[in-house]
């Protein structure tokens, strides 16, 4: 079901061990190896977005691995939200 007022953030979007075709959406320099849902949640909280966490969701390409997802209230374009979260994750893991 398409969500027009929310943006879905999967941990794989920020995973440096994945290729672009496997689902990574940010440049390698902004990605981290195997980020977990807790790291994404901390980044989203620090940025001040309202969000919901779904723990038992699986990214469609890796349906056997339940990595979870975060639904962020859409206040900006999706690519800008992803970029801001990636920068915050990079800052948190330094």
Protein backbone atom coordinates (compact mmCIF):
# COMPACT_ATOMS: atom_id res chain seq x y z
CA UNK A 1 0.00 0.00 0.00
CA UNK A 2 1.44 3.35 -1.00
CA UNK A 3 1.84 5.90 1.77
CA UNK A 4 1.67 9.47 0.54
CA UNK A 5 2.23 11.16 3.89
CA UNK A 6 5.07 8.91 5.09
CA UNK A 7 8.52 7.94 3.87
CA UNK A 8 9.78 4.39 4.40
CA UNK A 9 13.39 4.08 5.58
CA UNK A 10 14.97 0.62 5.39
CA UNK A 11 18.38 -0.06 6.99
CA UNK A 12 19.61 -1.40 3.64
CA UNK A 13 19.39 2.17 2.22
CA UNK A 14 22.41 3.06 4.40
CA UNK A 15 24.38 -0.24 4.23
CA UNK A 16 27.86 0.09 2.71
CA UNK A 17 28.09 -3.69 2.18
CA UNK A 18 25.21 -3.53 -0.33
CA UNK A 19 25.38 -2.28 -3.91
CA UNK A 20 23.02 0.27 -5.42
CA UNK A 21 21.20 -2.55 -7.21
CA UNK A 22 20.77 -4.38 -3.89
CA UNK A 23 19.05 -1.34 -2.37
CA UNK A 24 21.65 1.14 -1.09
CA UNK A 25 20.44 4.69 -1.76
CA UNK A 26 23.28 6.82 -0.38
CA UNK A 27 26.92 7.22 -1.51
CA UNK A 28 29.46 4.83 0.03
CA UNK A 29 31.09 7.68 1.98
CA UNK A 30 27.79 8.33 3.83
CA UNK A 31 26.91 4.66 4.38
CA UNK A 32 27.93 2.33 7.21
CA UNK A 33 28.41 -1.46 7.25
CA UNK A 34 25.26 -3.24 8.40
CA UNK A 35 23.40 -0.42 10.17
CA UNK A 36 20.67 -1.61 12.53
CA UNK A 37 17.25 -0.19 13.24
CA UNK A 38 18.42 1.33 16.52
CA UNK A 39 21.02 3.46 14.75
CA UNK A 40 18.44 4.68 12.24
CA UNK A 41 16.04 5.45 15.07
CA UNK A 42 18.67 7.52 16.93
CA UNK A 43 19.42 9.48 13.74
CA UNK A 44 15.73 10.20 13.09
CA UNK A 45 15.18 11.28 16.71
CA UNK A 46 18.21 13.62 16.54
CA UNK A 47 16.79 15.20 13.37
CA UNK A 48 13.45 15.80 15.07
CA UNK A 49 11.21 13.86 12.68
CA UNK A 50 8.03 12.18 13.88
CA UNK A 51 8.20 8.47 13.07
CA UNK A 52 6.93 4.95 13.70
CA UNK A 53 9.06 1.81 13.95
CA UNK A 54 8.00 -1.56 12.52
CA UNK A 55 10.31 -4.27 13.86
CA UNK A 56 9.15 -7.36 11.95
CA UNK A 57 9.25 -6.01 8.38
CA UNK A 58 11.56 -7.46 5.72
CA UNK A 59 13.02 -5.53 2.79
CA UNK A 60 11.43 -7.10 -0.31
CA UNK A 61 14.74 -8.06 -1.93
CA UNK A 62 15.88 -9.83 1.26
CA UNK A 63 12.57 -11.30 2.41
CA UNK A 64 14.22 -13.89 4.69
CA UNK A 65 15.91 -11.19 6.84
CA UNK A 66 13.58 -9.22 9.14
CA UNK A 67 15.48 -5.93 9.41
CA UNK A 68 12.52 -3.70 10.27
CA UNK A 69 11.67 -0.28 8.88
CA UNK A 70 10.98 3.26 10.00
CA UNK A 71 8.05 5.32 8.71
CA UNK A 72 8.90 9.03 8.82
CA UNK A 73 6.26 11.75 8.46
CA UNK A 74 6.87 13.33 5.07
CA UNK A 75 7.84 16.97 5.51
CA UNK A 76 10.44 17.08 2.71
CA UNK A 77 11.14 15.06 -0.45
CA UNK A 78 12.19 11.46 0.26
CA UNK A 79 15.70 11.89 -1.16
CA UNK A 80 16.35 14.87 1.14
CA UNK A 81 15.16 12.94 4.20
CA UNK A 82 17.36 9.97 3.25
CA UNK A 83 20.34 12.28 2.75
CA UNK A 84 19.84 13.99 6.12
CA UNK A 85 19.48 10.66 7.91
CA UNK A 86 22.64 9.35 6.19
CA UNK A 87 24.60 12.41 7.29
CA UNK A 88 23.34 12.02 10.86
CA UNK A 89 24.25 8.30 10.88
CA UNK A 90 27.70 9.22 9.63
CA UNK A 91 28.03 11.78 12.42
CA UNK A 92 26.81 9.31 15.07
CA UNK A 93 29.23 6.55 14.09
CA UNK A 94 32.40 8.64 13.95
